[in-house]
Amino acid sequence: MKVQEKSDRLIISEQSDFEPKHIFECGQAFRWEKELDNSYTIVANKRVINVSKLNDEIIIKNSNKEDFNEIWKDYFDIDTDYSQIKSKLNNDDIMKKAIEFGTGIRILNQQEYEMIISFIISANNRIPMIKKVISNLSKKFGDFIQEYNSKKYYSFPSIERLANADVEKVAECKAGFRSERIILASQKIIQDKDIVYNLKSKTYDEGLEYLKTYKGIGDKVANCILLFSMKQFATFPVDVWVRRVMQTLYVPNTAKDLEIRKFAENKFKDLSGYAQQYLFFYARENDIGK
């Protein structure tokens, strides 16, 4: 990988397995907007960047080498060799097609607290609405970051701001019945800070059991949190699209979510989370099972 800094942008070359559309539209993140030029503007880590790909070069605007080395290299999981992961997963025709379709997926390293709150919001919700609620919460309770391309951007709210928020004010952000859950979760994270920020070092089962003690977190939400912020790659979150692709291509159409998850975790082992991302993107973009 080569990183060059030119004016307000970084140009990254010799980096394989990186496609912005695959990364941001595979269900793992919500603070992105697709622009008219097919680039993606991202808010993360109290920064605003714009990411695109031209030929074989990745372009990150509104950033510099220091931020890349300290923030974005880890955020985009640059040091992980996805060619090895894909080689190990590529053991049947279904996965081969899914991997070819979403070849540029990378699982982002996102902040634990933000993922807990974001996926509580995601329960029984559509992605456009999830993004809207998070944007509203950030505008009302977060800190102003900057104006970029004529739009104002705000950081994800601090844990303290949401823990002390009035439920009515949270509800104004269109969070609905999730408003109380957001506040309670924030309070619990403050109380259990030492537990939450050490789940990466715990077993998958320990992490799953702990997260399900939160109001509004069941199997699917807990597994998403474990996968997208806690490096628990042996998990296989099952949502509507994953259920459809698995019932269509792998298991009987009567299989329940727990059966699907156990089947996948047994089949894909410690790479189950990566398999889930390829299958999710493949299923949703191709309306498999719909």
Protein backbone atom coordinates (compact mmCIF):
# COMPACT_ATOMS: atom_id res chain seq x y z
CA MET A 1 0.00 0.00 0.00
CA LYS A 2 1.19 3.51 -0.87
CA VAL A 3 -0.29 6.65 0.70
CA GLN A 4 0.26 10.07 -0.84
CA GLU A 5 -1.01 13.33 0.59
CA LYS A 6 -2.02 15.96 -1.96
CA SER A 7 -3.72 19.16 -0.86
CA ASP A 8 -6.81 18.13 1.15
CA ARG A 9 -6.82 14.51 0.09
CA LEU A 10 -5.06 11.20 0.40
CA ILE A 11 -4.43 8.95 -2.57
CA ILE A 12 -4.00 5.31 -1.65
CA SER A 13 -2.66 2.88 -4.23
CA GLU A 14 -1.61 -0.75 -4.22
CA GLN A 15 -4.45 -1.59 -1.81
CA SER A 16 -6.59 -4.57 -2.77
CA ASP A 17 -10.04 -5.61 -1.55
CA PHE A 18 -11.48 -2.13 -1.04
CA GLU A 19 -14.70 -0.94 -2.69
CA PRO A 20 -16.56 1.95 -0.99
CA LYS A 21 -20.02 0.74 -2.11
CA HIS A 22 -19.37 -2.75 -0.79
CA ILE A 23 -18.03 -1.44 2.53
CA PHE A 24 -20.70 1.15 3.31
CA GLU A 25 -23.77 -0.56 1.88
CA CYS A 26 -23.35 -3.98 3.49
CA GLY A 27 -25.32 -3.12 6.63
CA GLN A 28 -22.51 -2.48 9.08
CA ALA A 29 -22.52 1.33 9.30
CA PHE A 30 -25.12 4.10 9.24
CA ARG A 31 -23.26 7.43 9.21
CA TRP A 32 -22.60 7.66 5.50
CA GLU A 33 -24.20 9.45 2.59
CA LYS A 34 -23.78 8.53 -1.05
CA GLU A 35 -23.06 11.63 -3.11
CA LEU A 36 -24.08 12.39 -6.70
CA ASP A 37 -20.59 11.47 -7.91
CA ASN A 38 -20.93 8.03 -6.23
CA SER A 39 -18.46 8.95 -3.49
CA TYR A 40 -19.36 8.46 0.18
CA THR A 41 -19.20 11.10 2.89
CA ILE A 42 -18.53 9.48 6.27
CA VAL A 43 -18.78 10.73 9.86
CA ALA A 44 -16.70 8.73 12.33
CA ASN A 45 -14.29 9.38 15.18
CA LYS A 46 -15.30 13.06 15.23
CA ARG A 47 -14.07 13.47 11.67
CA VAL A 48 -15.74 13.99 8.29
CA ILE A 49 -14.18 12.37 5.22
CA ASN A 50 -15.23 11.68 1.67
CA VAL A 51 -14.21 8.32 0.20
CA SER A 52 -14.19 7.29 -3.46
CA LYS A 53 -12.34 4.98 -5.81
CA LEU A 54 -11.03 5.89 -9.24
CA ASN A 55 -9.55 3.02 -11.21
CA ASP A 56 -7.29 1.35 -8.64
CA GLU A 57 -6.80 4.37 -6.39
CA ILE A 58 -8.72 5.06 -3.18
CA ILE A 59 -9.24 8.77 -2.58
CA ILE A 60 -9.94 10.10 0.91
CA LYS A 61 -10.76 13.80 0.93
CA ASN A 62 -10.69 16.15 3.93
CA SER A 63 -7.98 14.15 5.66
CA ASN A 64 -4.22 13.84 6.05
CA LYS A 65 -1.55 11.21 6.60
CA GLU A 66 -1.54 11.69 10.37
CA ASP A 67 -5.26 10.94 10.63
CA PHE A 68 -4.89 8.03 8.24
CA ASN A 69 -2.21 6.42 10.38
CA GLU A 70 -3.92 7.16 13.69
CA ILE A 71 -7.59 6.65 12.73
CA TRP A 72 -8.49 5.46 9.25
CA LYS A 73 -5.98 2.67 8.87
CA ASP A 74 -7.58 0.87 11.81
CA TYR A 75 -11.13 1.99 10.95
CA PHE A 76 -10.88 0.43 7.49
CA ASP A 77 -9.06 -2.64 8.85
CA ILE A 78 -6.26 -2.05 6.36
CA ASP A 79 -3.78 -4.44 7.96
CA THR A 80 -6.08 -7.46 7.53
CA ASP A 81 -5.39 -9.60 4.46
CA TYR A 82 -8.84 -10.17 2.99
CA SER A 83 -7.47 -12.31 0.16
CA GLN A 84 -6.67 -14.98 2.74
CA ILE A 85 -10.12 -14.72 4.29
CA LYS A 86 -11.81 -15.04 0.90
CA SER A 87 -9.61 -17.98 -0.02
CA LYS A 88 -10.66 -19.86 3.11
CA LEU A 89 -14.36 -19.05 2.66
CA ASN A 90 -14.42 -19.78 -1.05
CA ASN A 91 -15.31 -23.45 -0.63
CA ASP A 92 -18.71 -23.72 -2.31
CA ASP A 93 -20.42 -22.20 -5.34
CA ILE A 94 -22.72 -20.00 -3.25
CA MET A 95 -19.95 -18.33 -1.30
CA LYS A 96 -17.86 -18.03 -4.46
CA LYS A 97 -20.62 -15.97 -6.11
CA ALA A 98 -21.21 -13.87 -2.97
CA ILE A 99 -17.50 -13.11 -2.60
CA GLU A 100 -17.11 -12.20 -6.26
CA PHE A 101 -20.11 -9.87 -6.00
CA GLY A 102 -18.94 -8.10 -2.83
CA THR A 103 -15.21 -8.58 -3.27
CA GLY A 104 -14.31 -5.17 -1.83
CA ILE A 105 -16.05 -5.58 1.55
CA ARG A 106 -14.02 -4.79 4.67
CA ILE A 107 -15.45 -5.01 8.18
CA LEU A 108 -15.00 -1.63 9.83
CA ASN A 109 -13.60 -1.19 13.34
CA GLN A 110 -16.28 1.00 14.92
CA GLN A 111 -16.67 2.37 18.43
CA GLU A 112 -18.42 0.09 20.91
CA TYR A 113 -20.77 2.65 22.44
CA GLU A 114 -21.88 4.03 19.08
CA MET A 115 -22.59 0.52 17.78
CA ILE A 116 -24.63 -0.45 20.86
CA ILE A 117 -26.86 2.60 20.48
CA SER A 118 -27.01 2.39 16.67
CA PHE A 119 -28.10 -1.24 16.63
CA ILE A 120 -30.66 -0.69 19.38
CA ILE A 121 -32.10 1.88 16.96
CA SER A 122 -31.85 -0.65 14.12
CA ALA A 123 -34.16 -3.23 15.70
CA ASN A 124 -37.28 -3.65 13.52
CA ASN A 125 -36.28 -0.59 11.53
CA ARG A 126 -35.30 0.26 7.96
CA ILE A 127 -31.84 1.57 7.09
CA PRO A 128 -33.01 5.03 5.86
CA MET A 129 -34.90 5.56 9.13
CA ILE A 130 -31.99 4.27 11.23
CA LYS A 131 -29.71 6.77 9.53
CA LYS A 132 -32.25 9.56 10.05
CA VAL A 133 -32.61 8.89 13.78
CA ILE A 134 -28.83 8.76 14.27
CA SER A 135 -28.41 11.98 12.30
CA ASN A 136 -31.11 13.68 14.41
CA LEU A 137 -29.54 12.49 17.66
CA SER A 138 -26.13 13.71 16.55
CA LYS A 139 -27.47 17.13 15.59
CA LYS A 140 -29.37 17.54 18.88
CA PHE A 141 -26.92 15.96 21.33
CA GLY A 142 -23.56 15.77 19.51
CA ASP A 143 -20.87 18.38 18.93
CA PHE A 144 -20.51 20.39 15.73
CA ILE A 145 -17.54 19.08 13.75
CA GLN A 146 -17.43 21.22 10.63
CA GLU A 147 -19.25 22.34 7.52
CA TYR A 148 -18.18 20.28 4.53
CA ASN A 149 -19.53 20.73 1.01
CA SER A 150 -22.17 23.14 2.33
CA LYS A 151 -23.51 20.69 4.93
CA LYS A 152 -23.04 20.80 8.71
CA TYR A 153 -21.81 17.65 10.43
CA TYR A 154 -22.04 16.63 14.08
CA SER A 155 -20.33 13.96 16.14
CA PHE A 156 -22.20 11.00 17.57
CA PRO A 157 -23.48 12.08 21.03
CA SER A 158 -21.28 11.37 24.02
CA ILE A 159 -22.42 8.64 26.36
CA GLU A 160 -22.97 11.21 29.11
CA ARG A 161 -25.21 13.43 26.96
CA LEU A 162 -27.56 10.57 26.11
CA ALA A 163 -27.47 9.07 29.60
CA ASN A 164 -28.73 12.37 31.01
CA ALA A 165 -31.14 13.23 28.21
CA ASP A 166 -34.89 13.63 28.67
CA VAL A 167 -36.82 10.86 27.00
CA GLU A 168 -39.03 13.45 25.31
CA LYS A 169 -36.01 15.12 23.71
CA VAL A 170 -34.73 11.78 22.42
CA ALA A 171 -38.20 10.99 21.07
CA GLU A 172 -38.11 14.26 19.12
CA CYS A 173 -35.32 12.63 17.09
CA LYS A 174 -37.91 10.12 15.76
CA ALA A 175 -36.54 7.31 17.96
CA GLY A 176 -40.05 6.28 19.05
CA PHE A 177 -40.25 3.43 21.57
CA ARG A 178 -36.46 3.09 21.35
CA SER A 179 -35.99 6.45 23.13
CA GLU A 180 -36.08 5.01 26.64
CA ARG A 181 -33.86 2.10 25.56
CA ILE A 182 -31.23 4.52 24.24
CA ILE A 183 -31.10 6.36 27.56
CA LEU A 184 -31.09 3.18 29.67
CA ALA A 185 -28.35 1.64 27.51
CA SER A 186 -26.20 4.77 27.85
CA GLN A 187 -26.61 4.71 31.62
CA LYS A 188 -25.74 1.02 31.75
CA ILE A 189 -22.63 1.51 29.62
CA ILE A 190 -21.38 4.17 32.05
CA GLN A 191 -22.05 1.79 34.94
CA ASP A 192 -20.44 -1.19 33.16
CA LYS A 193 -17.69 0.70 31.35
CA ASP A 194 -14.98 -1.78 32.34
CA ILE A 195 -17.05 -4.65 30.99
CA VAL A 196 -18.13 -3.02 27.72
CA TYR A 197 -14.68 -1.92 26.66
CA ASN A 198 -13.17 -5.32 27.42
CA LEU A 199 -15.62 -7.50 25.51
CA LYS A 200 -13.07 -7.85 22.72
CA SER A 201 -10.99 -9.98 25.06
CA LYS A 202 -13.94 -12.12 26.19
CA THR A 203 -15.35 -15.18 24.49
CA TYR A 204 -18.15 -14.85 21.97
CA ASP A 205 -20.61 -16.52 24.36
CA GLU A 206 -19.65 -14.17 27.20
CA GLY A 207 -20.15 -11.14 24.97
CA LEU A 208 -23.49 -12.39 23.69
CA GLU A 209 -24.78 -13.13 27.19
CA TYR A 210 -23.73 -9.71 28.48
CA LEU A 211 -25.19 -7.65 25.62
CA LYS A 212 -28.54 -9.40 25.90
CA THR A 213 -28.92 -7.94 29.41
CA TYR A 214 -29.70 -4.59 27.72
CA LYS A 215 -33.33 -3.73 27.05
CA GLY A 216 -33.82 -3.85 23.27
CA ILE A 217 -30.90 -6.17 22.50
CA GLY A 218 -31.69 -9.69 21.33
CA ASP A 219 -29.62 -12.24 19.44
CA LYS A 220 -29.45 -10.40 16.11
CA VAL A 221 -28.61 -6.98 17.55
CA ALA A 222 -26.07 -8.44 19.98
CA ASN A 223 -24.35 -10.33 17.19
CA CYS A 224 -24.14 -7.19 15.03
CA ILE A 225 -22.53 -5.26 17.89
CA LEU A 226 -20.06 -8.07 18.54
CA LEU A 227 -19.11 -8.27 14.87
CA PHE A 228 -18.91 -4.58 13.98
CA SER A 229 -17.17 -3.18 17.05
CA MET A 230 -15.78 -6.01 19.16
CA LYS A 231 -13.84 -8.18 16.68
CA GLN A 232 -15.96 -11.25 17.35
CA PHE A 233 -15.74 -12.75 13.86
CA ALA A 234 -17.17 -16.16 14.81
CA THR A 235 -20.66 -14.68 14.98
CA PHE A 236 -23.28 -14.74 12.21
CA PRO A 237 -26.03 -12.10 12.64
CA VAL A 238 -29.32 -13.13 11.02
CA ASP A 239 -31.59 -10.40 9.68
CA VAL A 240 -34.29 -10.56 7.02
CA TRP A 241 -31.84 -10.59 4.09
CA VAL A 242 -29.52 -13.15 5.63
CA ARG A 243 -32.52 -15.31 6.53
CA ARG A 244 -33.74 -15.16 2.92
CA VAL A 245 -30.40 -16.03 1.34
CA MET A 246 -29.75 -18.86 3.79
CA GLN A 247 -33.27 -20.33 3.40
CA THR A 248 -33.01 -20.02 -0.37
CA LEU A 249 -29.51 -21.37 -0.84
CA TYR A 250 -28.39 -23.32 2.24
CA VAL A 251 -31.07 -24.48 4.69
CA PRO A 252 -34.78 -25.47 4.61
CA ASN A 253 -37.16 -22.52 4.30
CA THR A 254 -38.63 -23.51 7.66
CA ALA A 255 -35.32 -23.00 9.49
CA LYS A 256 -35.52 -20.54 12.39
CA ASP A 257 -32.98 -17.77 12.96
CA LEU A 258 -31.15 -19.65 15.72
CA GLU A 259 -30.89 -22.73 13.52
CA ILE A 260 -29.55 -20.62 10.66
CA ARG A 261 -26.97 -18.96 12.91
CA LYS A 262 -25.80 -22.28 14.35
CA PHE A 263 -25.58 -23.83 10.87
CA ALA A 264 -23.50 -20.91 9.60
CA GLU A 265 -21.23 -20.76 12.64
CA ASN A 266 -20.57 -24.50 12.28
CA LYS A 267 -19.90 -24.13 8.53
CA PHE A 268 -17.84 -20.94 8.49
CA LYS A 269 -16.24 -21.25 11.95
CA ASP A 270 -14.14 -18.25 13.01
CA LEU A 271 -14.83 -16.52 9.68
CA SER A 272 -18.63 -16.54 10.10
CA GLY A 273 -18.86 -12.75 10.41
CA TYR A 274 -17.04 -12.20 7.14
CA ALA A 275 -19.28 -14.78 5.43
CA GLN A 276 -22.35 -12.98 6.77
CA GLN A 277 -21.26 -9.70 5.21
CA TYR A 278 -20.67 -11.21 1.77
CA LEU A 279 -24.00 -13.06 1.90
CA PHE A 280 -25.95 -10.04 3.19
CA PHE A 281 -24.68 -7.76 0.43
CA TYR A 282 -25.18 -10.44 -2.23
CA ALA A 283 -28.74 -11.17 -1.09
CA ARG A 284 -29.93 -7.57 -0.72
CA GLU A 285 -28.43 -6.27 -3.95
CA ASN A 286 -29.89 -9.20 -5.92
CA ASP A 287 -33.24 -9.51 -4.11
CA ILE A 288 -32.53 -13.16 -3.30
CA GLY A 289 -35.51 -14.84 -1.69
CA LYS A 290 -37.70 -11.77 -1.98
